[in-house]
Protein backbone atom coordinates (compact mmCIF):
# COMPACT_ATOMS: atom_id res chain seq x y z
CA UNK A 1 -0.13 0.10 -0.28
CA UNK A 2 2.49 2.05 0.90
CA UNK A 3 4.00 1.77 -2.36
CA UNK A 4 1.28 2.89 -4.26
CA UNK A 5 1.03 6.21 -2.68
CA UNK A 6 4.71 6.75 -3.08
CA UNK A 7 4.24 5.96 -6.66
CA UNK A 8 0.61 8.45 -6.49
CA UNK A 9 2.35 10.90 -5.68
CA UNK A 10 5.15 11.01 -7.55
CA UNK A 11 3.09 10.89 -10.58
CA UNK A 12 0.98 13.34 -10.19
CA UNK A 13 4.15 15.98 -9.43
CA UNK A 14 5.37 14.35 -12.84
CA UNK A 15 2.40 15.08 -14.58
CA UNK A 16 2.40 18.73 -12.52
CA UNK A 17 6.36 19.75 -13.72
CA UNK A 18 5.06 18.36 -16.68
CA UNK A 19 2.25 20.23 -17.03
CA UNK A 20 4.41 23.38 -15.53
CA UNK A 21 7.04 23.22 -18.60
CA UNK A 22 4.09 23.40 -20.61
CA UNK A 23 3.15 26.52 -19.73
CA UNK A 24 5.98 28.38 -18.96
CA UNK A 25 7.01 28.13 -22.57
CA UNK A 26 3.28 29.12 -24.25
CA UNK A 27 3.35 32.20 -22.37
CA UNK A 28 6.32 33.79 -22.62
CA UNK A 29 4.99 37.55 -22.10
CA UNK A 30 6.29 39.85 -20.18
CA UNK A 31 4.57 42.13 -17.83
CA UNK A 32 5.41 44.30 -15.16
CA UNK A 33 4.06 43.60 -11.46
CA UNK A 34 2.67 46.82 -9.73
CA UNK A 35 1.74 46.28 -5.45
CA UNK A 36 0.86 49.59 -5.48
CA UNK A 37 3.62 50.30 -2.70
CA UNK A 38 6.34 48.98 -4.26
CA UNK A 39 7.17 48.43 -8.23
CA UNK A 40 9.16 45.50 -9.86
CA UNK A 41 10.18 45.07 -13.01
CA UNK A 42 8.95 43.16 -15.91
CA UNK A 43 9.15 39.41 -15.82
CA UNK A 44 7.69 36.39 -17.86
CA UNK A 45 4.50 36.12 -16.46
CA UNK A 46 5.05 32.36 -15.89
CA UNK A 47 7.42 33.26 -13.55
CA UNK A 48 5.06 35.64 -11.36
CA UNK A 49 2.25 32.75 -11.19
CA UNK A 50 5.20 30.27 -10.08
CA UNK A 51 6.12 33.01 -7.38
CA UNK A 52 2.20 33.10 -6.42
CA UNK A 53 2.16 30.19 -5.97
CA UNK A 54 5.16 28.82 -3.44
CA UNK A 55 5.03 32.31 -1.60
CA UNK A 56 1.36 30.72 -0.90
CA UNK A 57 1.78 27.05 -0.41
CA UNK A 58 4.77 28.36 2.25
CA UNK A 59 2.18 30.58 3.49
CA UNK A 60 -0.48 28.00 4.18
CA UNK A 61 2.28 25.36 5.68
CA UNK A 62 3.30 28.29 7.89
CA UNK A 63 -0.99 29.33 8.84
CA UNK A 64 -1.90 25.12 9.12
CA UNK A 65 1.13 23.68 11.09
CA UNK A 66 0.60 27.34 13.20
CA UNK A 67 -2.75 26.02 13.84
CA UNK A 68 -1.54 22.07 14.24
CA UNK A 69 0.86 23.62 17.02
CA UNK A 70 -1.70 24.62 19.14
CA UNK A 71 -4.30 22.61 18.79
CA UNK A 72 -1.62 19.26 19.80
CA UNK A 73 -0.21 22.01 23.24
CA UNK A 74 -3.98 21.76 23.43
CA UNK A 75 -4.45 18.34 23.44
CA UNK A 76 -1.18 18.52 25.50
CA UNK A 77 -3.00 20.06 28.11
CA UNK A 78 -6.01 18.55 27.80
CA UNK A 79 -4.43 14.92 28.20
CA UNK A 80 -2.37 16.28 31.60
CA UNK A 81 -5.66 17.28 32.73
CA UNK A 82 -7.65 13.90 32.43
CA UNK A 83 -4.80 12.21 34.22
CA UNK A 84 -4.80 14.29 37.54
CA UNK A 85 -8.69 13.48 37.17
CA UNK A 86 -7.81 10.66 37.63
CA UNK A 87 -5.18 9.78 39.87
CA UNK A 88 -7.55 11.90 41.96
CA UNK A 89 -10.77 9.89 41.22
CA UNK A 90 -8.79 7.24 42.14
CA UNK A 91 -7.46 8.14 45.41
CA UNK A 92 -11.17 9.23 45.89
CA UNK A 93 -12.42 6.08 45.72
CA UNK A 94 -10.25 4.07 47.77
CA UNK A 95 -10.03 6.36 49.88
CA UNK A 96 -14.35 6.43 50.37
CA UNK A 97 -13.92 2.22 50.45
CA UNK A 98 -12.36 2.18 53.15
CA UNK A 99 -13.41 5.02 55.33
CA UNK A 100 -17.25 3.33 54.58
CA UNK A 101 -16.28 0.52 56.09
CA UNK A 102 -14.28 1.26 59.17
CA UNK A 103 -17.10 3.64 59.65
CA UNK A 104 -18.92 2.25 63.59
CA UNK A 105 -22.33 2.77 63.11
CA UNK A 106 -21.54 0.46 59.76
CA UNK A 107 -20.09 -2.24 61.65
CA UNK A 108 -23.25 -1.36 64.59
CA UNK A 109 -26.27 -1.91 61.45
CA UNK A 110 -24.51 -4.98 60.52
CA UNK A 111 -24.91 -6.04 64.41
CA UNK A 112 -28.48 -5.14 65.37
CA UNK A 113 -29.16 -7.39 61.15
CA UNK A 114 -27.54 -10.37 63.02
CA UNK A 115 -29.49 -10.26 66.56
CA UNK A 116 -32.84 -9.92 64.55
């Protein structure tokens, strides 16, 4: 299954590369890029499009990793709290059982039921 997954990824990457090269060969026009505050010199339109994809991909990875890191830290905190509560609960269960079993009133009630 791992081999098929890697093969499929390789095929998809190869197709993207082929389409990128074909797109680059077909679109040879040069255009300047004006971003209101910054003006870049003329370059091929494919250059600007490829850089836009690269920057967008990197920003997407950066944002998703920040969100993923935050969620992982929240999960770890919740797991610690759960572990603490579980240990507290087991201590309470053990102490309550001992306390209930050692109460003199329970012993009296048990003795009075035996007499009848």
